[in-house]
């Protein structure tokens, strides 16, 4: 389905792909609408008539619309530095901290062994 798009004095054809939803829940009428444009809906006796009416409605609505492509530059907000990073490695060469860390590791391993036995 091609649609006419008017930009200023330039008129061009642009491919426009839409999905039609046909509703046959009413025994006498078929409702047709575009999934992408839920406000565009028609009723007809046959599927062909419904699609034709829907196309006409779309062309009427598109005549009043104008598509204007716009580009803009978007800058992502700067991520804040993790506050804990500044403490990384502070105790790297501290022998007292190494001793404390080893003691904590042994205690945790002992606790893990006790939990596993239960």
PDB file of N, CA and C in Angstrom:
ATOM      1  N   UNK A   1       0.853  -1.163   0.000  1.00  0.00           N
ATOM      2  CA  UNK A   1       0.000   0.000   0.000  1.00  0.00           C
ATOM      3  C   UNK A   1       0.902   1.230   0.000  1.00  0.00           C
ATOM      4  N   UNK A   2       0.733   2.099  -0.975  1.00  0.00           N
ATOM      5  CA  UNK A   2       1.511   3.320  -1.050  1.00  0.00           C
ATOM      6  C   UNK A   2       0.649   4.491  -0.645  1.00  0.00           C
ATOM      7  N   UNK A   3       1.255   5.425   0.011  1.00  0.00           N
ATOM      8  CA  UNK A   3       0.527   6.601   0.454  1.00  0.00           C
ATOM      9  C   UNK A   3       1.266   7.837  -0.021  1.00  0.00           C
ATOM     10  N   UNK A   4       0.538   8.883  -0.310  1.00  0.00           N
ATOM     11  CA  UNK A   4       1.135  10.145  -0.733  1.00  0.00           C
ATOM     12  C   UNK A   4       1.475  10.966   0.505  1.00  0.00           C
ATOM     13  N   UNK A   5       2.702  11.449   0.556  1.00  0.00           N
ATOM     14  CA  UNK A   5       3.131  12.299   1.651  1.00  0.00           C
ATOM     15  C   UNK A   5       3.509  13.643   1.056  1.00  0.00           C
ATOM     16  N   UNK A   6       2.995  14.699   1.643  1.00  0.00           N
ATOM     17  CA  UNK A   6       3.279  16.032   1.137  1.00  0.00           C
ATOM     18  C   UNK A   6       4.183  16.765   2.113  1.00  0.00           C
ATOM     19  N   UNK A   7       5.342  17.193   1.625  1.00  0.00           N
ATOM     20  CA  UNK A   7       6.267  17.977   2.433  1.00  0.00           C
ATOM     21  C   UNK A   7       6.505  19.267   1.680  1.00  0.00           C
ATOM     22  N   UNK A   8       5.914  20.346   2.166  1.00  0.00           N
ATOM     23  CA  UNK A   8       6.015  21.612   1.451  1.00  0.00           C
ATOM     24  C   UNK A   8       5.380  21.461   0.081  1.00  0.00           C
ATOM     25  N   UNK A   9       6.159  21.702  -0.980  1.00  0.00           N
ATOM     26  CA  UNK A   9       5.656  21.569  -2.342  1.00  0.00           C
ATOM     27  C   UNK A   9       6.034  20.231  -2.953  1.00  0.00           C
ATOM     28  N   UNK A  10       6.815  19.420  -2.227  1.00  0.00           N
ATOM     29  CA  UNK A  10       7.269  18.135  -2.743  1.00  0.00           C
ATOM     30  C   UNK A  10       6.242  17.065  -2.390  1.00  0.00           C
ATOM     31  N   UNK A  11       5.838  16.287  -3.358  1.00  0.00           N
ATOM     32  CA  UNK A  11       4.914  15.187  -3.120  1.00  0.00           C
ATOM     33  C   UNK A  11       5.621  13.896  -3.492  1.00  0.00           C
ATOM     34  N   UNK A  12       5.604  12.926  -2.604  1.00  0.00           N
ATOM     35  CA  UNK A  12       6.298  11.679  -2.883  1.00  0.00           C
ATOM     36  C   UNK A  12       5.487  10.503  -2.359  1.00  0.00           C
ATOM     37  N   UNK A  13       5.728   9.324  -2.929  1.00  0.00           N
ATOM     38  CA  UNK A  13       5.083   8.107  -2.457  1.00  0.00           C
ATOM     39  C   UNK A  13       6.003   7.424  -1.452  1.00  0.00           C
ATOM     40  N   UNK A  14       5.401   6.978  -0.367  1.00  0.00           N
ATOM     41  CA  UNK A  14       6.153   6.303   0.678  1.00  0.00           C
ATOM     42  C   UNK A  14       5.449   4.982   0.972  1.00  0.00           C
ATOM     43  N   UNK A  15       6.196   3.861   0.980  1.00  0.00           N
ATOM     44  CA  UNK A  15       5.543   2.593   1.324  1.00  0.00           C
ATOM     45  C   UNK A  15       5.085   2.611   2.779  1.00  0.00           C
ATOM     46  N   UNK A  16       3.862   2.229   2.996  1.00  0.00           N
ATOM     47  CA  UNK A  16       3.280   2.224   4.336  1.00  0.00           C
ATOM     48  C   UNK A  16       2.666   0.848   4.556  1.00  0.00           C
ATOM     49  N   UNK A  17       3.221   0.101   5.483  1.00  0.00           N
ATOM     50  CA  UNK A  17       2.733  -1.256   5.746  1.00  0.00           C
ATOM     51  C   UNK A  17       1.934  -1.250   7.043  1.00  0.00           C
ATOM     52  N   UNK A  18       0.664  -1.579   6.939  1.00  0.00           N
ATOM     53  CA  UNK A  18      -0.219  -1.650   8.098  1.00  0.00           C
ATOM     54  C   UNK A  18      -0.868  -3.030   8.138  1.00  0.00           C
ATOM     55  N   UNK A  19      -1.299  -3.417   9.290  1.00  0.00           N
ATOM     56  CA  UNK A  19      -1.960  -4.716   9.477  1.00  0.00           C
ATOM     57  C   UNK A  19      -3.448  -4.489   9.709  1.00  0.00           C
ATOM     58  N   UNK A  20      -4.267  -5.198   8.936  1.00  0.00           N
ATOM     59  CA  UNK A  20      -5.720  -5.066   9.043  1.00  0.00           C
ATOM     60  C   UNK A  20      -6.268  -6.184   9.925  1.00  0.00           C
ATOM     61  N   UNK A  21      -7.098  -5.801  10.859  1.00  0.00           N
ATOM     62  CA  UNK A  21      -7.767  -6.749  11.736  1.00  0.00           C
ATOM     63  C   UNK A  21      -9.220  -6.864  11.277  1.00  0.00           C
ATOM     64  N   UNK A  22      -9.623  -8.068  10.903  1.00  0.00           N
ATOM     65  CA  UNK A  22     -11.007  -8.308  10.493  1.00  0.00           C
ATOM     66  C   UNK A  22     -11.726  -9.028  11.628  1.00  0.00           C
ATOM     67  N   UNK A  23     -12.848  -8.470  12.052  1.00  0.00           N
ATOM     68  CA  UNK A  23     -13.635  -9.047  13.140  1.00  0.00           C
ATOM     69  C   UNK A  23     -14.960  -9.533  12.563  1.00  0.00           C
ATOM     70  N   UNK A  24     -15.157 -10.844  12.613  1.00  0.00           N
ATOM     71  CA  UNK A  24     -16.385 -11.451  12.064  1.00  0.00           C
ATOM     72  C   UNK A  24     -17.331 -11.913  13.177  1.00  0.00           C
ATOM     73  N   UNK A  25     -17.194 -11.351  14.372  1.00  0.00           N
ATOM     74  CA  UNK A  25     -18.029 -11.784  15.493  1.00  0.00           C
ATOM     75  C   UNK A  25     -19.495 -11.417  15.299  1.00  0.00           C
ATOM     76  N   UNK A  26     -19.787 -10.362  14.533  1.00  0.00           N
ATOM     77  CA  UNK A  26     -21.163 -10.000  14.199  1.00  0.00           C
ATOM     78  C   UNK A  26     -21.566 -10.833  12.978  1.00  0.00           C
ATOM     79  N   UNK A  27     -22.709 -11.485  13.030  1.00  0.00           N
ATOM     80  CA  UNK A  27     -23.114 -12.397  11.952  1.00  0.00           C
ATOM     81  C   UNK A  27     -23.460 -11.684  10.655  1.00  0.00           C
ATOM     82  N   UNK A  28     -23.818 -10.406  10.710  1.00  0.00           N
ATOM     83  CA  UNK A  28     -24.228  -9.691   9.499  1.00  0.00           C
ATOM     84  C   UNK A  28     -23.186  -8.706   8.988  1.00  0.00           C
ATOM     85  N   UNK A  29     -22.280  -8.259   9.840  1.00  0.00           N
ATOM     86  CA  UNK A  29     -21.294  -7.244   9.455  1.00  0.00           C
ATOM     87  C   UNK A  29     -19.881  -7.712   9.793  1.00  0.00           C
ATOM     88  N   UNK A  30     -18.924  -7.241   9.017  1.00  0.00           N
ATOM     89  CA  UNK A  30     -17.508  -7.466   9.287  1.00  0.00           C
ATOM     90  C   UNK A  30     -16.903  -6.127   9.674  1.00  0.00           C
ATOM     91  N   UNK A  31     -16.252  -6.100  10.811  1.00  0.00           N
ATOM     92  CA  UNK A  31     -15.548  -4.892  11.236  1.00  0.00           C
ATOM     93  C   UNK A  31     -14.096  -5.010  10.800  1.00  0.00           C
ATOM     94  N   UNK A  32     -13.565  -3.912  10.286  1.00  0.00           N
ATOM     95  CA  UNK A  32     -12.168  -3.886   9.871  1.00  0.00           C
ATOM     96  C   UNK A  32     -11.496  -2.670  10.483  1.00  0.00           C
ATOM     97  N   UNK A  33     -10.282  -2.880  10.971  1.00  0.00           N
ATOM     98  CA  UNK A  33      -9.501  -1.771  11.525  1.00  0.00           C
ATOM     99  C   UNK A  33      -8.022  -2.064  11.324  1.00  0.00           C
ATOM    100  N   UNK A  34      -7.218  -1.015  11.429  1.00  0.00           N
ATOM    101  CA  UNK A  34      -5.769  -1.172  11.367  1.00  0.00           C
ATOM    102  C   UNK A  34      -5.269  -1.372  12.789  1.00  0.00           C
ATOM    103  N   UNK A  35      -4.434  -2.371  12.999  1.00  0.00           N
ATOM    104  CA  UNK A  35      -3.875  -2.584  14.332  1.00  0.00           C
ATOM    105  C   UNK A  35      -3.079  -1.363  14.790  1.00  0.00           C
ATOM    106  N   UNK A  36      -2.392  -0.728  13.860  1.00  0.00           N
ATOM    107  CA  UNK A  36      -1.561   0.426  14.188  1.00  0.00           C
ATOM    108  C   UNK A  36      -2.377   1.700  14.397  1.00  0.00           C
ATOM    109  N   UNK A  37      -3.595   1.738  13.883  1.00  0.00           N
ATOM    110  CA  UNK A  37      -4.467   2.912  14.002  1.00  0.00           C
ATOM    111  C   UNK A  37      -5.838   2.467  14.510  1.00  0.00           C
ATOM    112  N   UNK A  38      -5.976   2.228  15.799  1.00  0.00           N
ATOM    113  CA  UNK A  38      -7.229   1.673  16.316  1.00  0.00           C
ATOM    114  C   UNK A  38      -8.448   2.568  16.110  1.00  0.00           C
ATOM    115  N   UNK A  39      -8.243   3.868  15.878  1.00  0.00           N
ATOM    116  CA  UNK A  39      -9.376   4.770  15.658  1.00  0.00           C
ATOM    117  C   UNK A  39      -9.906   4.698  14.232  1.00  0.00           C
ATOM    118  N   UNK A  40      -9.197   4.001  13.352  1.00  0.00           N
ATOM    119  CA  UNK A  40      -9.648   3.806  11.965  1.00  0.00           C
ATOM    120  C   UNK A  40     -10.407   2.485  11.920  1.00  0.00           C
ATOM    121  N   UNK A  41     -11.733   2.548  11.936  1.00  0.00           N
ATOM    122  CA  UNK A  41     -12.529   1.325  11.940  1.00  0.00           C
ATOM    123  C   UNK A  41     -13.754   1.523  11.059  1.00  0.00           C
ATOM    124  N   UNK A  42     -14.107   0.470  10.297  1.00  0.00           N
ATOM    125  CA  UNK A  42     -15.292   0.498   9.440  1.00  0.00           C
ATOM    126  C   UNK A  42     -16.034  -0.822   9.578  1.00  0.00           C
ATOM    127  N   UNK A  43     -17.284  -0.817   9.132  1.00  0.00           N
ATOM    128  CA  UNK A  43     -18.096  -2.037   9.072  1.00  0.00           C
ATOM    129  C   UNK A  43     -18.621  -2.192   7.661  1.00  0.00           C
ATOM    130  N   UNK A  44     -18.710  -3.448   7.207  1.00  0.00           N
ATOM    131  CA  UNK A  44     -19.213  -3.720   5.867  1.00  0.00           C
ATOM    132  C   UNK A  44     -19.805  -5.126   5.837  1.00  0.00           C
ATOM    133  N   UNK A  45     -20.476  -5.434   4.709  1.00  0.00           N
ATOM    134  CA  UNK A  45     -21.113  -6.745   4.551  1.00  0.00           C
ATOM    135  C   UNK A  45     -20.119  -7.831   4.159  1.00  0.00           C
ATOM    136  N   UNK A  46     -19.083  -7.454   3.392  1.00  0.00           N
ATOM    137  CA  UNK A  46     -18.094  -8.438   2.941  1.00  0.00           C
ATOM    138  C   UNK A  46     -16.692  -7.982   3.328  1.00  0.00           C
ATOM    139  N   UNK A  47     -15.766  -8.926   3.261  1.00  0.00           N
ATOM    140  CA  UNK A  47     -14.382  -8.630   3.585  1.00  0.00           C
ATOM    141  C   UNK A  47     -13.798  -7.632   2.587  1.00  0.00           C
ATOM    142  N   UNK A  48     -14.080  -7.828   1.307  1.00  0.00           N
ATOM    143  CA  UNK A  48     -13.555  -6.937   0.270  1.00  0.00           C
ATOM    144  C   UNK A  48     -14.064  -5.511   0.455  1.00  0.00           C
ATOM    145  N   UNK A  49     -15.358  -5.397   0.758  1.00  0.00           N
ATOM    146  CA  UNK A  49     -15.959  -4.083   0.971  1.00  0.00           C
ATOM    147  C   UNK A  49     -15.350  -3.417   2.207  1.00  0.00           C
ATOM    148  N   UNK A  50     -15.114  -4.189   3.255  1.00  0.00           N
ATOM    149  CA  UNK A  50     -14.531  -3.643   4.487  1.00  0.00           C
ATOM    150  C   UNK A  50     -13.121  -3.122   4.221  1.00  0.00           C
ATOM    151  N   UNK A  51     -12.325  -3.882   3.476  1.00  0.00           N
ATOM    152  CA  UNK A  51     -10.959  -3.456   3.165  1.00  0.00           C
ATOM    153  C   UNK A  51     -10.973  -2.212   2.286  1.00  0.00           C
ATOM    154  N   UNK A  52     -11.883  -2.164   1.330  1.00  0.00           N
ATOM    155  CA  UNK A  52     -11.988  -0.990   0.455  1.00  0.00           C
ATOM    156  C   UNK A  52     -12.379   0.256   1.259  1.00  0.00           C
ATOM    157  N   UNK A  53     -13.372   0.115   2.138  1.00  0.00           N
ATOM    158  CA  UNK A  53     -13.799   1.246   2.970  1.00  0.00           C
ATOM    159  C   UNK A  53     -12.669   1.706   3.898  1.00  0.00           C
ATOM    160  N   UNK A  54     -11.941   0.747   4.426  1.00  0.00           N
ATOM    161  CA  UNK A  54     -10.838   1.071   5.323  1.00  0.00           C
ATOM    162  C   UNK A  54      -9.735   1.821   4.580  1.00  0.00           C
ATOM    163  N   UNK A  55      -9.440   1.413   3.362  1.00  0.00           N
ATOM    164  CA  UNK A  55      -8.454   2.123   2.542  1.00  0.00           C
ATOM    165  C   UNK A  55      -8.898   3.551   2.261  1.00  0.00           C
ATOM    166  N   UNK A  56     -10.172   3.723   1.943  1.00  0.00           N
ATOM    167  CA  UNK A  56     -10.698   5.067   1.686  1.00  0.00           C
ATOM    168  C   UNK A  56     -10.572   5.949   2.930  1.00  0.00           C
ATOM    169  N   UNK A  57     -10.933   5.376   4.080  1.00  0.00           N
ATOM    170  CA  UNK A  57     -10.831   6.121   5.333  1.00  0.00           C
ATOM    171  C   UNK A  57      -9.381   6.510   5.623  1.00  0.00           C
ATOM    172  N   UNK A  58      -8.461   5.587   5.373  1.00  0.00           N
ATOM    173  CA  UNK A  58      -7.051   5.880   5.600  1.00  0.00           C
ATOM    174  C   UNK A  58      -6.575   7.020   4.709  1.00  0.00           C
ATOM    175  N   UNK A  59      -6.940   6.994   3.426  1.00  0.00           N
ATOM    176  CA  UNK A  59      -6.527   8.051   2.510  1.00  0.00           C
ATOM    177  C   UNK A  59      -7.111   9.412   2.917  1.00  0.00           C
ATOM    178  N   UNK A  60      -8.339   9.408   3.393  1.00  0.00           N
ATOM    179  CA  UNK A  60      -8.950  10.667   3.863  1.00  0.00           C
ATOM    180  C   UNK A  60      -8.166  11.212   5.054  1.00  0.00           C
ATOM    181  N   UNK A  61      -7.811  10.339   5.983  1.00  0.00           N
ATOM    182  CA  UNK A  61      -7.076  10.793   7.165  1.00  0.00           C
ATOM    183  C   UNK A  61      -5.653  11.217   6.822  1.00  0.00           C
ATOM    184  N   UNK A  62      -5.008  10.496   5.899  1.00  0.00           N
ATOM    185  CA  UNK A  62      -3.633  10.839   5.543  1.00  0.00           C
ATOM    186  C   UNK A  62      -3.535  12.149   4.773  1.00  0.00           C
ATOM    187  N   UNK A  63      -4.610  12.530   4.069  1.00  0.00           N
ATOM    188  CA  UNK A  63      -4.597  13.797   3.338  1.00  0.00           C
ATOM    189  C   UNK A  63      -4.429  14.974   4.291  1.00  0.00           C
ATOM    190  N   UNK A  64      -4.862  14.818   5.522  1.00  0.00           N
ATOM    191  CA  UNK A  64      -4.806  15.905   6.499  1.00  0.00           C
ATOM    192  C   UNK A  64      -3.536  15.851   7.355  1.00  0.00           C
ATOM    193  N   UNK A  65      -2.726  14.826   7.142  1.00  0.00           N
ATOM    194  CA  UNK A  65      -1.523  14.663   7.954  1.00  0.00           C
ATOM    195  C   UNK A  65      -0.283  15.049   7.167  1.00  0.00           C
ATOM    196  N   UNK A  66       0.738  15.405   7.888  1.00  0.00           N
ATOM    197  CA  UNK A  66       2.021  15.712   7.280  1.00  0.00           C
ATOM    198  C   UNK A  66       3.098  15.007   8.104  1.00  0.00           C
ATOM    199  N   UNK A  67       3.984  14.332   7.428  1.00  0.00           N
ATOM    200  CA  UNK A  67       5.079  13.641   8.090  1.00  0.00           C
ATOM    201  C   UNK A  67       6.328  14.484   7.916  1.00  0.00           C
ATOM    202  N   UNK A  68       6.929  14.855   9.021  1.00  0.00           N
ATOM    203  CA  UNK A  68       8.132  15.676   8.989  1.00  0.00           C
ATOM    204  C   UNK A  68       9.242  14.916   9.704  1.00  0.00           C
ATOM    205  N   UNK A  69      10.262  14.469   8.973  1.00  0.00           N
ATOM    206  CA  UNK A  69      11.375  13.787   9.655  1.00  0.00           C
ATOM    207  C   UNK A  69      12.221  14.793  10.437  1.00  0.00           C
ATOM    208  N   UNK A  70      12.541  14.446  11.647  1.00  0.00           N
ATOM    209  CA  UNK A  70      13.320  15.322  12.511  1.00  0.00           C
ATOM    210  C   UNK A  70      14.453  14.504  13.126  1.00  0.00           C
ATOM    211  N   UNK A  71      15.648  15.056  13.109  1.00  0.00           N
ATOM    212  CA  UNK A  71      16.779  14.414  13.764  1.00  0.00           C
ATOM    213  C   UNK A  71      17.245  15.324  14.891  1.00  0.00           C
ATOM    214  N   UNK A  72      17.613  14.732  15.996  1.00  0.00           N
ATOM    215  CA  UNK A  72      18.176  15.501  17.085  1.00  0.00           C
ATOM    216  C   UNK A  72      19.245  14.657  17.757  1.00  0.00           C
ATOM    217  N   UNK A  73      20.149  15.324  18.413  1.00  0.00           N
ATOM    218  CA  UNK A  73      21.248  14.637  19.078  1.00  0.00           C
ATOM    219  C   UNK A  73      20.885  14.420  20.535  1.00  0.00           C
ATOM    220  N   UNK A  74      21.051  13.216  20.972  1.00  0.00           N
ATOM    221  CA  UNK A  74      20.710  12.845  22.338  1.00  0.00           C
ATOM    222  C   UNK A  74      21.985  12.451  23.058  1.00  0.00           C
ATOM    223  N   UNK A  75      22.247  13.102  24.159  1.00  0.00           N
ATOM    224  CA  UNK A  75      23.404  12.754  24.962  1.00  0.00           C
ATOM    225  C   UNK A  75      22.929  11.974  26.178  1.00  0.00           C
ATOM    226  N   UNK A  76      23.507  10.817  26.346  1.00  0.00           N
ATOM    227  CA  UNK A  76      23.158  10.010  27.506  1.00  0.00           C
ATOM    228  C   UNK A  76      23.693  10.687  28.770  1.00  0.00           C
ATOM    229  N   UNK A  77      22.928  10.637  29.844  1.00  0.00           N
ATOM    230  CA  UNK A  77      23.421  11.239  31.081  1.00  0.00           C
ATOM    231  C   UNK A  77      24.669  10.490  31.559  1.00  0.00           C
ATOM    232  N   UNK A  78      25.610  11.248  32.111  1.00  0.00           N
ATOM    233  CA  UNK A  78      26.833  10.626  32.604  1.00  0.00           C
ATOM    234  C   UNK A  78      26.499   9.773  33.823  1.00  0.00           C
ATOM    235  N   UNK A  79      27.077   8.573  33.830  1.00  0.00           N
ATOM    236  CA  UNK A  79      26.856   7.697  34.970  1.00  0.00           C
ATOM    237  C   UNK A  79      27.787   8.111  36.101  1.00  0.00           C
ATOM    238  N   UNK A  80      27.237   8.143  37.277  1.00  0.00           N
ATOM    239  CA  UNK A  80      28.045   8.507  38.428  1.00  0.00           C
ATOM    240  C   UNK A  80      28.984   7.355  38.765  1.00  0.00           C
ATOM    241  N   UNK A  81      30.160   7.717  39.212  1.00  0.00           N
ATOM    242  CA  UNK A  81      31.135   6.706  39.599  1.00  0.00           C
ATOM    243  C   UNK A  81      30.652   6.003  40.862  1.00  0.00           C
ATOM    244  N   UNK A  82      30.856   4.709  40.898  1.00  0.00           N
ATOM    245  CA  UNK A  82      30.494   3.935  42.075  1.00  0.00           C
ATOM    246  C   UNK A  82      31.288   4.455  43.272  1.00  0.00           C
ATOM    247  N   UNK A  83      30.646   4.873  44.368  1.00  0.00           N
ATOM    248  CA  UNK A  83      31.367   5.468  45.496  1.00  0.00           C
ATOM    249  C   UNK A  83      32.323   4.488  46.173  1.00  0.00           C
ATOM    250  N   UNK A  84      32.109   3.185  46.005  1.00  0.00           N
ATOM    251  CA  UNK A  84      32.970   2.205  46.656  1.00  0.00           C
ATOM    252  C   UNK A  84      34.286   2.007  45.910  1.00  0.00           C
ATOM    253  N   UNK A  85      34.348   2.440  44.658  1.00  0.00           N
ATOM    254  CA  UNK A  85      35.546   2.237  43.856  1.00  0.00           C
ATOM    255  C   UNK A  85      36.744   2.962  44.460  1.00  0.00           C
ATOM    256  N   UNK A  86      36.509   4.122  45.049  1.00  0.00           N
ATOM    257  CA  UNK A  86      37.638   4.878  45.606  1.00  0.00           C
ATOM    258  C   UNK A  86      38.304   4.157  46.782  1.00  0.00           C
ATOM    259  N   UNK A  87      37.606   3.168  47.375  1.00  0.00           N
ATOM    260  CA  UNK A  87      38.190   2.404  48.483  1.00  0.00           C
ATOM    261  C   UNK A  87      38.853   1.114  48.021  1.00  0.00           C
ATOM    262  N   UNK A  88      38.698   0.764  46.766  1.00  0.00           N
ATOM    263  CA  UNK A  88      39.277  -0.484  46.262  1.00  0.00           C
ATOM    264  C   UNK A  88      40.799  -0.425  46.371  1.00  0.00           C
ATOM    265  N   UNK A  89      41.383  -1.439  46.974  1.00  0.00           N
ATOM    266  CA  UNK A  89      42.837  -1.531  47.080  1.00  0.00           C
ATOM    267  C   UNK A  89      43.464  -0.716  48.186  1.00  0.00           C
ATOM    268  N   UNK A  90      42.662  -0.054  49.020  1.00  0.00           N
ATOM    269  CA  UNK A  90      43.205   0.797  50.086  1.00  0.00           C
ATOM    270  C   UNK A  90      44.055  -0.025  51.068  1.00  0.00           C
ATOM    271  N   UNK A  91      43.619  -1.246  51.372  1.00  0.00           N
ATOM    272  CA  UNK A  91      44.328  -2.081  52.353  1.00  0.00           C
ATOM    273  C   UNK A  91      45.191  -3.152  51.687  1.00  0.00           C
ATOM    274  N   UNK A  92      45.530  -2.959  50.435  1.00  0.00           N
ATOM    275  CA  UNK A  92      46.260  -3.961  49.665  1.00  0.00           C
ATOM    276  C   UNK A  92      47.603  -4.341  50.317  1.00  0.00           C
ATOM    277  N   UNK A  93      48.342  -3.392  50.776  1.00  0.00           N
ATOM    278  CA  UNK A  93      49.674  -3.652  51.349  1.00  0.00           C
ATOM    279  C   UNK A  93      49.686  -3.609  52.871  1.00  0.00           C
ATOM    280  N   UNK A  94      48.542  -3.661  53.516  1.00  0.00           N
ATOM    281  CA  UNK A  94      48.446  -3.581  54.976  1.00  0.00           C
ATOM    282  C   UNK A  94      48.487  -5.000  55.552  1.00  0.00           C
ATOM    283  N   UNK A  95      49.562  -5.372  56.266  1.00  0.00           N
ATOM    284  CA  UNK A  95      49.670  -6.736  56.807  1.00  0.00           C
ATOM    285  C   UNK A  95      48.611  -7.035  57.876  1.00  0.00           C
ATOM    286  N   UNK A  96      48.197  -6.027  58.631  1.00  0.00           N
ATOM    287  CA  UNK A  96      47.157  -6.248  59.648  1.00  0.00           C
ATOM    288  C   UNK A  96      45.832  -6.617  58.987  1.00  0.00           C
ATOM    289  N   UNK A  97      45.508  -5.915  57.901  1.00  0.00           N
ATOM    290  CA  UNK A  97      44.256  -6.208  57.199  1.00  0.00           C
ATOM    291  C   UNK A  97      44.298  -7.598  56.569  1.00  0.00           C
ATOM    292  N   UNK A  98      45.447  -7.975  56.036  1.00  0.00           N
ATOM    293  CA  UNK A  98      45.595  -9.306  55.436  1.00  0.00           C
ATOM    294  C   UNK A  98      45.341 -10.384  56.488  1.00  0.00           C
ATOM    295  N   UNK A  99      45.864 -10.159  57.711  1.00  0.00           N
ATOM    296  CA  UNK A  99      45.669 -11.117  58.812  1.00  0.00           C
ATOM    297  C   UNK A  99      44.176 -11.201  59.195  1.00  0.00           C
ATOM    298  N   UNK A 100      43.516 -10.049  59.274  1.00  0.00           N
ATOM    299  CA  UNK A 100      42.086 -10.010  59.611  1.00  0.00           C
ATOM    300  C   UNK A 100      41.268 -10.702  58.520  1.00  0.00           C
ATOM    301  N   UNK A 101      41.579 -10.423  57.266  1.00  0.00           N
ATOM    302  CA  UNK A 101      40.852 -11.030  56.149  1.00  0.00           C
ATOM    303  C   UNK A 101      41.014 -12.542  56.155  1.00  0.00           C
ATOM    304  N   UNK A 102      42.232 -13.040  56.458  1.00  0.00           N
ATOM    305  CA  UNK A 102      42.475 -14.486  56.511  1.00  0.00           C
ATOM    306  C   UNK A 102      41.693 -15.113  57.650  1.00  0.00           C
ATOM    307  N   UNK A 103      41.630 -14.431  58.794  1.00  0.00           N
ATOM    308  CA  UNK A 103      40.874 -14.920  59.942  1.00  0.00           C
ATOM    309  C   UNK A 103      39.382 -15.017  59.606  1.00  0.00           C
ATOM    310  N   UNK A 104      38.845 -13.986  58.917  1.00  0.00           N
ATOM    311  CA  UNK A 104      37.432 -14.007  58.507  1.00  0.00           C
ATOM    312  C   UNK A 104      37.161 -15.144  57.526  1.00  0.00           C
ATOM    313  N   UNK A 105      38.098 -15.365  56.596  1.00  0.00           N
ATOM    314  CA  UNK A 105      37.916 -16.436  55.608  1.00  0.00           C
ATOM    315  C   UNK A 105      37.845 -17.792  56.292  1.00  0.00           C
ATOM    316  N   UNK A 106      38.751 -18.050  57.246  1.00  0.00           N
ATOM    317  CA  UNK A 106      38.761 -19.329  57.967  1.00  0.00           C
ATOM    318  C   UNK A 106      37.465 -19.518  58.753  1.00  0.00           C
ATOM    319  N   UNK A 107      36.994 -18.439  59.397  1.00  0.00           N
ATOM    320  CA  UNK A 107      35.753 -18.507  60.177  1.00  0.00           C
ATOM    321  C   UNK A 107      34.565 -18.839  59.278  1.00  0.00           C
ATOM    322  N   UNK A 108      34.502 -18.212  58.108  1.00  0.00           N
ATOM    323  CA  UNK A 108      33.404 -18.482  57.166  1.00  0.00           C
ATOM    324  C   UNK A 108      33.449 -19.917  56.667  1.00  0.00           C
ATOM    325  N   UNK A 109      34.649 -20.409  56.362  1.00  0.00           N
ATOM    326  CA  UNK A 109      34.776 -21.798  55.902  1.00  0.00           C
ATOM    327  C   UNK A 109      34.331 -22.764  56.992  1.00  0.00           C
ATOM    328  N   UNK A 110      34.685 -22.471  58.239  1.00  0.00           N
ATOM    329  CA  UNK A 110      34.277 -23.319  59.360  1.00  0.00           C
ATOM    330  C   UNK A 110      32.752 -23.290  59.501  1.00  0.00           C
ATOM    331  N   UNK A 111      32.148 -22.120  59.351  1.00  0.00           N
ATOM    332  CA  UNK A 111      30.682 -22.004  59.442  1.00  0.00           C
ATOM    333  C   UNK A 111      30.016 -22.775  58.300  1.00  0.00           C
ATOM    334  N   UNK A 112      30.602 -22.705  57.098  1.00  0.00           N
ATOM    335  CA  UNK A 112      30.045 -23.431  55.952  1.00  0.00           C
ATOM    336  C   UNK A 112      30.092 -24.933  56.205  1.00  0.00           C
ATOM    337  N   UNK A 113      31.203 -25.414  56.807  1.00  0.00           N
ATOM    338  CA  UNK A 113      31.328 -26.841  57.109  1.00  0.00           C
ATOM    339  C   UNK A 113      30.287 -27.284  58.136  1.00  0.00           C
ATOM    340  N   UNK A 114      30.028 -26.431  59.145  1.00  0.00           N
ATOM    341  CA  UNK A 114      29.038 -26.759  60.178  1.00  0.00           C
ATOM    342  C   UNK A 114      27.646 -26.834  59.572  1.00  0.00           C
ATOM    343  N   UNK A 115      27.333 -25.906  58.664  1.00  0.00           N
ATOM    344  CA  UNK A 115      26.019 -25.892  58.024  1.00  0.00           C
ATOM    345  C   UNK A 115      25.848 -27.123  57.134  1.00  0.00           C
ATOM    346  N   UNK A 116      26.903 -27.524  56.452  1.00  0.00           N
ATOM    347  CA  UNK A 116      26.851 -28.684  55.562  1.00  0.00           C
ATOM    348  C   UNK A 116      26.625 -29.974  56.343  1.00  0.00           C
ATOM    349  N   UNK A 117      27.135 -30.053  57.555  1.00  0.00           N
ATOM    350  CA  UNK A 117      26.972 -31.253  58.368  1.00  0.00           C
ATOM    351  C   UNK A 117      25.554 -31.392  58.899  1.00  0.00           C
ATOM    352  N   UNK A 118      24.818 -30.298  59.023  1.00  0.00           N
ATOM    353  CA  UNK A 118      23.477 -30.337  59.601  1.00  0.00           C
ATOM    354  C   UNK A 118      22.483 -30.862  58.648  1.00  0.00           C
TER     355      UNK A 118
END
